[in-house]
């Protein structure tokens, strides 16, 4: 019997992408922040006022993680008083589309369980 040459190598997920998805989905506020940004709420004070249970400290931690991954961008305006606004980056828009697909998959799973 001839030995067949192996053409495939073990496939594993990208360490950075896996860590990013796990971190963001593990943060219960990230999806809410994306929803706020999608609805034009991009200033931290307005975000905190718009969501019951969201504190400034937790929001800042969530925003920082998203900035570190390149999902959200922070713009500081040279005004008095200082003004800061957040927006989704081009990469962030792609990432959010992936999360939307995961959400659709979850809905399909739930629908299948109820049928």
PDB file of N, CA and C in Angstrom:
ATOM      1  N   UNK A   1       0.837  -1.169   0.000  1.00  0.00           N
ATOM      2  CA  UNK A   1       0.000   0.000   0.000  1.00  0.00           C
ATOM      3  C   UNK A   1       0.892   1.245   0.000  1.00  0.00           C
ATOM      4  N   UNK A   2       0.616   2.134  -0.904  1.00  0.00           N
ATOM      5  CA  UNK A   2       1.406   3.363  -0.982  1.00  0.00           C
ATOM      6  C   UNK A   2       0.923   4.365   0.045  1.00  0.00           C
ATOM      7  N   UNK A   3       1.866   5.063   0.623  1.00  0.00           N
ATOM      8  CA  UNK A   3       1.508   6.132   1.558  1.00  0.00           C
ATOM      9  C   UNK A   3       1.052   7.340   0.761  1.00  0.00           C
ATOM     10  N   UNK A   4      -0.123   7.809   1.091  1.00  0.00           N
ATOM     11  CA  UNK A   4      -0.619   9.016   0.428  1.00  0.00           C
ATOM     12  C   UNK A   4      -0.010  10.230   1.107  1.00  0.00           C
ATOM     13  N   UNK A   5       0.339  11.171   0.305  1.00  0.00           N
ATOM     14  CA  UNK A   5       0.899  12.402   0.841  1.00  0.00           C
ATOM     15  C   UNK A   5      -0.226  13.229   1.457  1.00  0.00           C
ATOM     16  N   UNK A   6      -0.004  13.720   2.638  1.00  0.00           N
ATOM     17  CA  UNK A   6      -1.027  14.519   3.309  1.00  0.00           C
ATOM     18  C   UNK A   6      -1.052  15.911   2.689  1.00  0.00           C
ATOM     19  N   UNK A   7      -2.263  16.342   2.348  1.00  0.00           N
ATOM     20  CA  UNK A   7      -2.394  17.648   1.725  1.00  0.00           C
ATOM     21  C   UNK A   7      -3.016  18.690   2.654  1.00  0.00           C
ATOM     22  N   UNK A   8      -3.581  18.232   3.739  1.00  0.00           N
ATOM     23  CA  UNK A   8      -4.212  19.165   4.658  1.00  0.00           C
ATOM     24  C   UNK A   8      -3.448  19.190   5.967  1.00  0.00           C
ATOM     25  N   UNK A   9      -3.402  20.372   6.552  1.00  0.00           N
ATOM     26  CA  UNK A   9      -2.825  20.503   7.880  1.00  0.00           C
ATOM     27  C   UNK A   9      -3.956  20.821   8.843  1.00  0.00           C
ATOM     28  N   UNK A  10      -3.708  20.618  10.095  1.00  0.00           N
ATOM     29  CA  UNK A  10      -4.725  20.891  11.099  1.00  0.00           C
ATOM     30  C   UNK A  10      -5.106  22.363  11.036  1.00  0.00           C
ATOM     31  N   UNK A  11      -6.398  22.607  10.990  1.00  0.00           N
ATOM     32  CA  UNK A  11      -6.891  23.988  10.920  1.00  0.00           C
ATOM     33  C   UNK A  11      -7.271  24.436  12.315  1.00  0.00           C
ATOM     34  N   UNK A  12      -6.820  25.607  12.677  1.00  0.00           N
ATOM     35  CA  UNK A  12      -7.205  26.185  13.955  1.00  0.00           C
ATOM     36  C   UNK A  12      -7.565  27.642  13.728  1.00  0.00           C
ATOM     37  N   UNK A  13      -8.356  28.159  14.634  1.00  0.00           N
ATOM     38  CA  UNK A  13      -8.782  29.548  14.469  1.00  0.00           C
ATOM     39  C   UNK A  13      -7.634  30.490  14.789  1.00  0.00           C
ATOM     40  N   UNK A  14      -7.728  31.659  14.222  1.00  0.00           N
ATOM     41  CA  UNK A  14      -6.736  32.691  14.492  1.00  0.00           C
ATOM     42  C   UNK A  14      -6.806  33.066  15.965  1.00  0.00           C
ATOM     43  N   UNK A  15      -5.678  33.063  16.625  1.00  0.00           N
ATOM     44  CA  UNK A  15      -5.654  33.356  18.060  1.00  0.00           C
ATOM     45  C   UNK A  15      -6.199  34.749  18.353  1.00  0.00           C
ATOM     46  N   UNK A  16      -5.797  35.726  17.574  1.00  0.00           N
ATOM     47  CA  UNK A  16      -6.233  37.094  17.832  1.00  0.00           C
ATOM     48  C   UNK A  16      -7.726  37.255  17.561  1.00  0.00           C
ATOM     49  N   UNK A  17      -8.215  36.696  16.449  1.00  0.00           N
ATOM     50  CA  UNK A  17      -9.635  36.805  16.126  1.00  0.00           C
ATOM     51  C   UNK A  17     -10.474  36.087  17.173  1.00  0.00           C
ATOM     52  N   UNK A  18     -10.037  34.911  17.590  1.00  0.00           N
ATOM     53  CA  UNK A  18     -10.778  34.159  18.611  1.00  0.00           C
ATOM     54  C   UNK A  18     -10.845  34.935  19.917  1.00  0.00           C
ATOM     55  N   UNK A  19      -9.730  35.506  20.313  1.00  0.00           N
ATOM     56  CA  UNK A  19      -9.694  36.284  21.559  1.00  0.00           C
ATOM     57  C   UNK A  19     -10.605  37.504  21.458  1.00  0.00           C
ATOM     58  N   UNK A  20     -10.610  38.140  20.289  1.00  0.00           N
ATOM     59  CA  UNK A  20     -11.441  39.324  20.089  1.00  0.00           C
ATOM     60  C   UNK A  20     -12.920  38.961  20.198  1.00  0.00           C
ATOM     61  N   UNK A  21     -13.341  37.909  19.501  1.00  0.00           N
ATOM     62  CA  UNK A  21     -14.750  37.505  19.537  1.00  0.00           C
ATOM     63  C   UNK A  21     -15.145  37.128  20.961  1.00  0.00           C
ATOM     64  N   UNK A  22     -14.312  36.349  21.616  1.00  0.00           N
ATOM     65  CA  UNK A  22     -14.605  35.915  22.985  1.00  0.00           C
ATOM     66  C   UNK A  22     -14.703  37.109  23.930  1.00  0.00           C
ATOM     67  N   UNK A  23     -13.796  38.043  23.810  1.00  0.00           N
ATOM     68  CA  UNK A  23     -13.790  39.217  24.682  1.00  0.00           C
ATOM     69  C   UNK A  23     -15.010  40.087  24.449  1.00  0.00           C
ATOM     70  N   UNK A  24     -15.330  40.330  23.196  1.00  0.00           N
ATOM     71  CA  UNK A  24     -16.448  41.221  22.884  1.00  0.00           C
ATOM     72  C   UNK A  24     -17.780  40.576  23.229  1.00  0.00           C
ATOM     73  N   UNK A  25     -17.968  39.320  22.859  1.00  0.00           N
ATOM     74  CA  UNK A  25     -19.227  38.648  23.185  1.00  0.00           C
ATOM     75  C   UNK A  25     -19.334  38.445  24.694  1.00  0.00           C
ATOM     76  N   UNK A  26     -18.202  38.262  25.365  1.00  0.00           N
ATOM     77  CA  UNK A  26     -18.193  38.114  26.814  1.00  0.00           C
ATOM     78  C   UNK A  26     -18.533  39.398  27.549  1.00  0.00           C
ATOM     79  N   UNK A  27     -18.394  40.517  26.897  1.00  0.00           N
ATOM     80  CA  UNK A  27     -18.747  41.812  27.496  1.00  0.00           C
ATOM     81  C   UNK A  27     -20.222  42.066  27.236  1.00  0.00           C
ATOM     82  N   UNK A  28     -21.003  42.085  28.287  1.00  0.00           N
ATOM     83  CA  UNK A  28     -22.448  42.197  28.079  1.00  0.00           C
ATOM     84  C   UNK A  28     -22.880  43.562  27.546  1.00  0.00           C
ATOM     85  N   UNK A  29     -21.972  44.535  27.505  1.00  0.00           N
ATOM     86  CA  UNK A  29     -22.354  45.876  27.061  1.00  0.00           C
ATOM     87  C   UNK A  29     -21.930  46.191  25.627  1.00  0.00           C
ATOM     88  N   UNK A  30     -21.011  45.435  25.042  1.00  0.00           N
ATOM     89  CA  UNK A  30     -20.516  45.772  23.701  1.00  0.00           C
ATOM     90  C   UNK A  30     -21.630  45.820  22.668  1.00  0.00           C
ATOM     91  N   UNK A  31     -22.489  44.822  22.657  1.00  0.00           N
ATOM     92  CA  UNK A  31     -23.567  44.809  21.662  1.00  0.00           C
ATOM     93  C   UNK A  31     -24.491  46.006  21.849  1.00  0.00           C
ATOM     94  N   UNK A  32     -24.720  46.399  23.099  1.00  0.00           N
ATOM     95  CA  UNK A  32     -25.546  47.571  23.388  1.00  0.00           C
ATOM     96  C   UNK A  32     -24.868  48.835  22.879  1.00  0.00           C
ATOM     97  N   UNK A  33     -23.553  48.929  23.071  1.00  0.00           N
ATOM     98  CA  UNK A  33     -22.795  50.098  22.586  1.00  0.00           C
ATOM     99  C   UNK A  33     -22.911  50.185  21.061  1.00  0.00           C
ATOM    100  N   UNK A  34     -22.794  49.058  20.361  1.00  0.00           N
ATOM    101  CA  UNK A  34     -22.929  49.072  18.898  1.00  0.00           C
ATOM    102  C   UNK A  34     -24.311  49.566  18.496  1.00  0.00           C
ATOM    103  N   UNK A  35     -25.325  49.136  19.245  1.00  0.00           N
ATOM    104  CA  UNK A  35     -26.699  49.561  18.965  1.00  0.00           C
ATOM    105  C   UNK A  35     -26.840  51.073  19.179  1.00  0.00           C
ATOM    106  N   UNK A  36     -26.251  51.581  20.245  1.00  0.00           N
ATOM    107  CA  UNK A  36     -26.289  53.021  20.502  1.00  0.00           C
ATOM    108  C   UNK A  36     -25.626  53.790  19.361  1.00  0.00           C
ATOM    109  N   UNK A  37     -24.438  53.350  18.959  1.00  0.00           N
ATOM    110  CA  UNK A  37     -23.717  54.028  17.881  1.00  0.00           C
ATOM    111  C   UNK A  37     -24.505  53.984  16.581  1.00  0.00           C
ATOM    112  N   UNK A  38     -25.141  52.858  16.320  1.00  0.00           N
ATOM    113  CA  UNK A  38     -25.958  52.725  15.101  1.00  0.00           C
ATOM    114  C   UNK A  38     -27.115  53.716  15.102  1.00  0.00           C
ATOM    115  N   UNK A  39     -27.588  54.071  16.300  1.00  0.00           N
ATOM    116  CA  UNK A  39     -28.705  55.003  16.436  1.00  0.00           C
ATOM    117  C   UNK A  39     -28.264  56.440  16.672  1.00  0.00           C
ATOM    118  N   UNK A  40     -26.972  56.717  16.419  1.00  0.00           N
ATOM    119  CA  UNK A  40     -26.475  58.086  16.485  1.00  0.00           C
ATOM    120  C   UNK A  40     -26.135  58.574  17.880  1.00  0.00           C
ATOM    121  N   UNK A  41     -26.147  57.688  18.861  1.00  0.00           N
ATOM    122  CA  UNK A  41     -25.768  58.073  20.223  1.00  0.00           C
ATOM    123  C   UNK A  41     -24.286  57.746  20.367  1.00  0.00           C
ATOM    124  N   UNK A  42     -23.446  58.790  20.280  1.00  0.00           N
ATOM    125  CA  UNK A  42     -22.005  58.544  20.209  1.00  0.00           C
ATOM    126  C   UNK A  42     -21.180  59.254  21.278  1.00  0.00           C
ATOM    127  N   UNK A  43     -21.852  59.914  22.201  1.00  0.00           N
ATOM    128  CA  UNK A  43     -21.135  60.584  23.293  1.00  0.00           C
ATOM    129  C   UNK A  43     -21.349  59.798  24.579  1.00  0.00           C
ATOM    130  N   UNK A  44     -20.289  59.629  25.385  1.00  0.00           N
ATOM    131  CA  UNK A  44     -20.372  58.763  26.559  1.00  0.00           C
ATOM    132  C   UNK A  44     -21.484  59.125  27.548  1.00  0.00           C
ATOM    133  N   UNK A  45     -21.649  60.387  27.843  1.00  0.00           N
ATOM    134  CA  UNK A  45     -22.695  60.794  28.786  1.00  0.00           C
ATOM    135  C   UNK A  45     -24.074  60.408  28.295  1.00  0.00           C
ATOM    136  N   UNK A  46     -24.299  60.618  27.014  1.00  0.00           N
ATOM    137  CA  UNK A  46     -25.591  60.270  26.415  1.00  0.00           C
ATOM    138  C   UNK A  46     -25.796  58.753  26.414  1.00  0.00           C
ATOM    139  N   UNK A  47     -24.714  57.994  26.211  1.00  0.00           N
ATOM    140  CA  UNK A  47     -24.807  56.535  26.253  1.00  0.00           C
ATOM    141  C   UNK A  47     -25.252  56.060  27.631  1.00  0.00           C
ATOM    142  N   UNK A  48     -24.612  56.601  28.677  1.00  0.00           N
ATOM    143  CA  UNK A  48     -24.938  56.198  30.051  1.00  0.00           C
ATOM    144  C   UNK A  48     -26.384  56.561  30.376  1.00  0.00           C
ATOM    145  N   UNK A  49     -26.821  57.739  29.951  1.00  0.00           N
ATOM    146  CA  UNK A  49     -28.205  58.166  30.218  1.00  0.00           C
ATOM    147  C   UNK A  49     -29.226  57.341  29.440  1.00  0.00           C
ATOM    148  N   UNK A  50     -28.810  56.756  28.320  1.00  0.00           N
ATOM    149  CA  UNK A  50     -29.740  56.029  27.446  1.00  0.00           C
ATOM    150  C   UNK A  50     -29.967  54.579  27.848  1.00  0.00           C
ATOM    151  N   UNK A  51     -29.098  54.027  28.701  1.00  0.00           N
ATOM    152  CA  UNK A  51     -29.180  52.603  29.024  1.00  0.00           C
ATOM    153  C   UNK A  51     -29.231  52.410  30.539  1.00  0.00           C
ATOM    154  N   UNK A  52     -30.322  51.849  31.000  1.00  0.00           N
ATOM    155  CA  UNK A  52     -30.466  51.571  32.429  1.00  0.00           C
ATOM    156  C   UNK A  52     -29.428  50.536  32.864  1.00  0.00           C
ATOM    157  N   UNK A  53     -28.734  50.826  33.942  1.00  0.00           N
ATOM    158  CA  UNK A  53     -27.767  49.888  34.497  1.00  0.00           C
ATOM    159  C   UNK A  53     -26.345  50.046  33.979  1.00  0.00           C
ATOM    160  N   UNK A  54     -26.152  50.918  33.008  1.00  0.00           N
ATOM    161  CA  UNK A  54     -24.816  51.142  32.440  1.00  0.00           C
ATOM    162  C   UNK A  54     -24.142  52.285  33.201  1.00  0.00           C
ATOM    163  N   UNK A  55     -22.987  51.991  33.806  1.00  0.00           N
ATOM    164  CA  UNK A  55     -22.258  53.027  34.538  1.00  0.00           C
ATOM    165  C   UNK A  55     -21.140  53.589  33.667  1.00  0.00           C
ATOM    166  N   UNK A  56     -20.662  54.756  34.025  1.00  0.00           N
ATOM    167  CA  UNK A  56     -19.572  55.395  33.287  1.00  0.00           C
ATOM    168  C   UNK A  56     -18.327  54.516  33.312  1.00  0.00           C
ATOM    169  N   UNK A  57     -18.006  53.929  34.467  1.00  0.00           N
ATOM    170  CA  UNK A  57     -16.822  53.091  34.593  1.00  0.00           C
ATOM    171  C   UNK A  57     -16.891  51.882  33.660  1.00  0.00           C
ATOM    172  N   UNK A  58     -18.018  51.189  33.674  1.00  0.00           N
ATOM    173  CA  UNK A  58     -18.178  49.997  32.831  1.00  0.00           C
ATOM    174  C   UNK A  58     -18.169  50.398  31.355  1.00  0.00           C
ATOM    175  N   UNK A  59     -18.827  51.499  31.013  1.00  0.00           N
ATOM    176  CA  UNK A  59     -18.831  51.965  29.631  1.00  0.00           C
ATOM    177  C   UNK A  59     -17.413  52.260  29.166  1.00  0.00           C
ATOM    178  N   UNK A  60     -16.630  52.952  29.982  1.00  0.00           N
ATOM    179  CA  UNK A  60     -15.258  53.287  29.597  1.00  0.00           C
ATOM    180  C   UNK A  60     -14.415  52.039  29.374  1.00  0.00           C
ATOM    181  N   UNK A  61     -14.583  51.023  30.228  1.00  0.00           N
ATOM    182  CA  UNK A  61     -13.850  49.758  30.051  1.00  0.00           C
ATOM    183  C   UNK A  61     -14.250  49.087  28.740  1.00  0.00           C
ATOM    184  N   UNK A  62     -15.544  49.075  28.467  1.00  0.00           N
ATOM    185  CA  UNK A  62     -16.058  48.471  27.236  1.00  0.00           C
ATOM    186  C   UNK A  62     -15.529  49.215  26.008  1.00  0.00           C
ATOM    187  N   UNK A  63     -15.601  50.530  26.038  1.00  0.00           N
ATOM    188  CA  UNK A  63     -15.110  51.335  24.913  1.00  0.00           C
ATOM    189  C   UNK A  63     -13.611  51.117  24.711  1.00  0.00           C
ATOM    190  N   UNK A  64     -12.854  51.060  25.793  1.00  0.00           N
ATOM    191  CA  UNK A  64     -11.404  50.869  25.704  1.00  0.00           C
ATOM    192  C   UNK A  64     -11.067  49.536  25.023  1.00  0.00           C
ATOM    193  N   UNK A  65     -11.771  48.470  25.423  1.00  0.00           N
ATOM    194  CA  UNK A  65     -11.537  47.162  24.798  1.00  0.00           C
ATOM    195  C   UNK A  65     -11.832  47.220  23.294  1.00  0.00           C
ATOM    196  N   UNK A  66     -12.926  47.867  22.941  1.00  0.00           N
ATOM    197  CA  UNK A  66     -13.301  47.967  21.530  1.00  0.00           C
ATOM    198  C   UNK A  66     -12.321  48.823  20.740  1.00  0.00           C
ATOM    199  N   UNK A  67     -11.786  49.850  21.364  1.00  0.00           N
ATOM    200  CA  UNK A  67     -10.764  50.676  20.713  1.00  0.00           C
ATOM    201  C   UNK A  67      -9.492  49.861  20.518  1.00  0.00           C
ATOM    202  N   UNK A  68      -9.101  49.105  21.540  1.00  0.00           N
ATOM    203  CA  UNK A  68      -7.888  48.281  21.456  1.00  0.00           C
ATOM    204  C   UNK A  68      -7.963  47.274  20.312  1.00  0.00           C
ATOM    205  N   UNK A  69      -9.143  46.734  20.048  1.00  0.00           N
ATOM    206  CA  UNK A  69      -9.318  45.779  18.955  1.00  0.00           C
ATOM    207  C   UNK A  69      -9.520  46.467  17.609  1.00  0.00           C
ATOM    208  N   UNK A  70      -9.675  47.800  17.593  1.00  0.00           N
ATOM    209  CA  UNK A  70      -9.864  48.526  16.339  1.00  0.00           C
ATOM    210  C   UNK A  70     -11.295  48.508  15.844  1.00  0.00           C
ATOM    211  N   UNK A  71     -12.243  48.199  16.727  1.00  0.00           N
ATOM    212  CA  UNK A  71     -13.650  48.130  16.342  1.00  0.00           C
ATOM    213  C   UNK A  71     -14.297  49.507  16.420  1.00  0.00           C
ATOM    214  N   UNK A  72     -13.892  50.270  17.411  1.00  0.00           N
ATOM    215  CA  UNK A  72     -14.439  51.609  17.640  1.00  0.00           C
ATOM    216  C   UNK A  72     -13.288  52.609  17.633  1.00  0.00           C
ATOM    217  N   UNK A  73     -13.593  53.811  17.170  1.00  0.00           N
ATOM    218  CA  UNK A  73     -12.608  54.890  17.136  1.00  0.00           C
ATOM    219  C   UNK A  73     -13.078  56.008  18.065  1.00  0.00           C
ATOM    220  N   UNK A  74     -12.143  56.677  18.703  1.00  0.00           N
ATOM    221  CA  UNK A  74     -12.439  57.780  19.628  1.00  0.00           C
ATOM    222  C   UNK A  74     -11.942  59.071  19.006  1.00  0.00           C
ATOM    223  N   UNK A  75     -12.815  60.064  18.962  1.00  0.00           N
ATOM    224  CA  UNK A  75     -12.442  61.371  18.452  1.00  0.00           C
ATOM    225  C   UNK A  75     -12.597  62.391  19.570  1.00  0.00           C
ATOM    226  N   UNK A  76     -11.517  63.112  19.843  1.00  0.00           N
ATOM    227  CA  UNK A  76     -11.528  64.153  20.874  1.00  0.00           C
ATOM    228  C   UNK A  76     -11.505  65.504  20.178  1.00  0.00           C
ATOM    229  N   UNK A  77     -12.438  66.367  20.562  1.00  0.00           N
ATOM    230  CA  UNK A  77     -12.523  67.695  19.977  1.00  0.00           C
ATOM    231  C   UNK A  77     -11.873  68.699  20.925  1.00  0.00           C
ATOM    232  N   UNK A  78     -11.099  69.607  20.374  1.00  0.00           N
ATOM    233  CA  UNK A  78     -10.393  70.610  21.165  1.00  0.00           C
ATOM    234  C   UNK A  78     -11.349  71.755  21.477  1.00  0.00           C
ATOM    235  N   UNK A  79     -12.240  71.491  22.434  1.00  0.00           N
ATOM    236  CA  UNK A  79     -13.242  72.476  22.837  1.00  0.00           C
ATOM    237  C   UNK A  79     -13.266  72.573  24.347  1.00  0.00           C
ATOM    238  N   UNK A  80     -13.916  73.617  24.833  1.00  0.00           N
ATOM    239  CA  UNK A  80     -14.147  73.758  26.267  1.00  0.00           C
ATOM    240  C   UNK A  80     -15.646  73.847  26.456  1.00  0.00           C
ATOM    241  N   UNK A  81     -16.266  72.954  27.192  1.00  0.00           N
ATOM    242  CA  UNK A  81     -15.681  71.759  27.801  1.00  0.00           C
ATOM    243  C   UNK A  81     -15.290  70.736  26.734  1.00  0.00           C
ATOM    244  N   UNK A  82     -14.366  69.819  27.077  1.00  0.00           N
ATOM    245  CA  UNK A  82     -13.917  68.827  26.101  1.00  0.00           C
ATOM    246  C   UNK A  82     -15.077  67.947  25.631  1.00  0.00           C
ATOM    247  N   UNK A  83     -15.027  67.583  24.369  1.00  0.00           N
ATOM    248  CA  UNK A  83     -16.065  66.733  23.793  1.00  0.00           C
ATOM    249  C   UNK A  83     -15.392  65.514  23.180  1.00  0.00           C
ATOM    250  N   UNK A  84     -15.967  64.334  23.461  1.00  0.00           N
ATOM    251  CA  UNK A  84     -15.458  63.078  22.925  1.00  0.00           C
ATOM    252  C   UNK A  84     -16.612  62.364  22.249  1.00  0.00           C
ATOM    253  N   UNK A  85     -16.350  61.825  21.077  1.00  0.00           N
ATOM    254  CA  UNK A  85     -17.354  61.042  20.362  1.00  0.00           C
ATOM    255  C   UNK A  85     -16.725  59.739  19.899  1.00  0.00           C
ATOM    256  N   UNK A  86     -17.549  58.707  19.813  1.00  0.00           N
ATOM    257  CA  UNK A  86     -17.096  57.390  19.373  1.00  0.00           C
ATOM    258  C   UNK A  86     -17.807  57.026  18.080  1.00  0.00           C
ATOM    259  N   UNK A  87     -17.117  56.252  17.254  1.00  0.00           N
ATOM    260  CA  UNK A  87     -17.705  55.782  15.997  1.00  0.00           C
ATOM    261  C   UNK A  87     -17.152  54.398  15.685  1.00  0.00           C
ATOM    262  N   UNK A  88     -17.892  53.685  14.861  1.00  0.00           N
ATOM    263  CA  UNK A  88     -17.465  52.347  14.450  1.00  0.00           C
ATOM    264  C   UNK A  88     -16.503  52.508  13.280  1.00  0.00           C
ATOM    265  N   UNK A  89     -15.386  51.800  13.327  1.00  0.00           N
ATOM    266  CA  UNK A  89     -14.401  51.850  12.239  1.00  0.00           C
ATOM    267  C   UNK A  89     -14.877  50.977  11.075  1.00  0.00           C
ATOM    268  N   UNK A  90     -14.186  51.061   9.957  1.00  0.00           N
ATOM    269  CA  UNK A  90     -14.486  50.184   8.822  1.00  0.00           C
ATOM    270  C   UNK A  90     -14.334  48.722   9.215  1.00  0.00           C
ATOM    271  N   UNK A  91     -13.263  48.422   9.931  1.00  0.00           N
ATOM    272  CA  UNK A  91     -13.074  47.063  10.428  1.00  0.00           C
ATOM    273  C   UNK A  91     -14.203  46.684  11.376  1.00  0.00           C
ATOM    274  N   UNK A  92     -14.608  47.624  12.236  1.00  0.00           N
ATOM    275  CA  UNK A  92     -15.691  47.380  13.181  1.00  0.00           C
ATOM    276  C   UNK A  92     -17.000  47.034  12.480  1.00  0.00           C
ATOM    277  N   UNK A  93     -17.264  47.683  11.344  1.00  0.00           N
ATOM    278  CA  UNK A  93     -18.480  47.370  10.588  1.00  0.00           C
ATOM    279  C   UNK A  93     -18.453  45.927  10.101  1.00  0.00           C
ATOM    280  N   UNK A  94     -17.295  45.471   9.648  1.00  0.00           N
ATOM    281  CA  UNK A  94     -17.155  44.070   9.225  1.00  0.00           C
ATOM    282  C   UNK A  94     -17.354  43.138  10.411  1.00  0.00           C
ATOM    283  N   UNK A  95     -16.750  43.482  11.540  1.00  0.00           N
ATOM    284  CA  UNK A  95     -16.847  42.657  12.730  1.00  0.00           C
ATOM    285  C   UNK A  95     -18.294  42.565  13.215  1.00  0.00           C
ATOM    286  N   UNK A  96     -19.002  43.679  13.205  1.00  0.00           N
ATOM    287  CA  UNK A  96     -20.404  43.689  13.644  1.00  0.00           C
ATOM    288  C   UNK A  96     -21.261  42.836  12.714  1.00  0.00           C
ATOM    289  N   UNK A  97     -20.938  42.814  11.435  1.00  0.00           N
ATOM    290  CA  UNK A  97     -21.679  41.928  10.506  1.00  0.00           C
ATOM    291  C   UNK A  97     -21.481  40.463  10.898  1.00  0.00           C
ATOM    292  N   UNK A  98     -20.272  40.109  11.327  1.00  0.00           N
ATOM    293  CA  UNK A  98     -20.012  38.738  11.801  1.00  0.00           C
ATOM    294  C   UNK A  98     -20.866  38.459  13.034  1.00  0.00           C
ATOM    295  N   UNK A  99     -20.927  39.404  13.965  1.00  0.00           N
ATOM    296  CA  UNK A  99     -21.750  39.227  15.163  1.00  0.00           C
ATOM    297  C   UNK A  99     -23.226  39.102  14.805  1.00  0.00           C
ATOM    298  N   UNK A 100     -23.673  39.867  13.805  1.00  0.00           N
ATOM    299  CA  UNK A 100     -25.060  39.753  13.341  1.00  0.00           C
ATOM    300  C   UNK A 100     -25.350  38.349  12.826  1.00  0.00           C
ATOM    301  N   UNK A 101     -24.397  37.764  12.116  1.00  0.00           N
ATOM    302  CA  UNK A 101     -24.570  36.399  11.606  1.00  0.00           C
ATOM    303  C   UNK A 101     -24.621  35.387  12.748  1.00  0.00           C
ATOM    304  N   UNK A 102     -23.815  35.609  13.784  1.00  0.00           N
ATOM    305  CA  UNK A 102     -23.852  34.736  14.959  1.00  0.00           C
ATOM    306  C   UNK A 102     -25.221  34.836  15.630  1.00  0.00           C
ATOM    307  N   UNK A 103     -25.758  36.050  15.696  1.00  0.00           N
ATOM    308  CA  UNK A 103     -27.085  36.248  16.280  1.00  0.00           C
ATOM    309  C   UNK A 103     -28.158  35.517  15.465  1.00  0.00           C
ATOM    310  N   UNK A 104     -28.047  35.570  14.137  1.00  0.00           N
ATOM    311  CA  UNK A 104     -28.994  34.840  13.276  1.00  0.00           C
ATOM    312  C   UNK A 104     -28.875  33.337  13.504  1.00  0.00           C
ATOM    313  N   UNK A 105     -27.654  32.856  13.648  1.00  0.00           N
ATOM    314  CA  UNK A 105     -27.434  31.442  13.915  1.00  0.00           C
ATOM    315  C   UNK A 105     -28.089  31.038  15.235  1.00  0.00           C
ATOM    316  N   UNK A 106     -27.948  31.864  16.257  1.00  0.00           N
ATOM    317  CA  UNK A 106     -28.573  31.590  17.547  1.00  0.00           C
ATOM    318  C   UNK A 106     -30.092  31.531  17.409  1.00  0.00           C
ATOM    319  N   UNK A 107     -30.661  32.437  16.630  1.00  0.00           N
ATOM    320  CA  UNK A 107     -32.113  32.437  16.411  1.00  0.00           C
ATOM    321  C   UNK A 107     -32.536  31.154  15.706  1.00  0.00           C
ATOM    322  N   UNK A 108     -31.767  30.723  14.713  1.00  0.00           N
ATOM    323  CA  UNK A 108     -32.069  29.466  14.016  1.00  0.00           C
ATOM    324  C   UNK A 108     -32.022  28.287  14.986  1.00  0.00           C
ATOM    325  N   UNK A 109     -31.035  28.269  15.864  1.00  0.00           N
ATOM    326  CA  UNK A 109     -30.910  27.196  16.850  1.00  0.00           C
ATOM    327  C   UNK A 109     -32.132  27.184  17.757  1.00  0.00           C
ATOM    328  N   UNK A 110     -32.525  28.377  18.228  1.00  0.00           N
ATOM    329  CA  UNK A 110     -33.691  28.461  19.110  1.00  0.00           C
ATOM    330  C   UNK A 110     -34.962  28.039  18.387  1.00  0.00           C
ATOM    331  N   UNK A 111     -35.115  28.459  17.123  1.00  0.00           N
ATOM    332  CA  UNK A 111     -36.283  28.074  16.335  1.00  0.00           C
ATOM    333  C   UNK A 111     -36.342  26.557  16.152  1.00  0.00           C
ATOM    334  N   UNK A 112     -35.197  25.937  15.882  1.00  0.00           N
ATOM    335  CA  UNK A 112     -35.145  24.480  15.704  1.00  0.00           C
ATOM    336  C   UNK A 112     -35.500  23.750  16.993  1.00  0.00           C
ATOM    337  N   UNK A 113     -35.108  24.299  18.124  1.00  0.00           N
ATOM    338  CA  UNK A 113     -35.391  23.664  19.419  1.00  0.00           C
ATOM    339  C   UNK A 113     -36.882  23.733  19.761  1.00  0.00           C
ATOM    340  N   UNK A 114     -37.564  24.747  19.272  1.00  0.00           N
ATOM    341  CA  UNK A 114     -38.972  24.933  19.577  1.00  0.00           C
ATOM    342  C   UNK A 114     -39.884  24.226  18.570  1.00  0.00           C
ATOM    343  N   UNK A 115     -39.330  23.638  17.557  1.00  0.00           N
ATOM    344  CA  UNK A 115     -40.143  22.931  16.548  1.00  0.00           C
ATOM    345  C   UNK A 115     -40.108  21.451  16.768  1.00  0.00           C
TER     346      UNK A 115
END
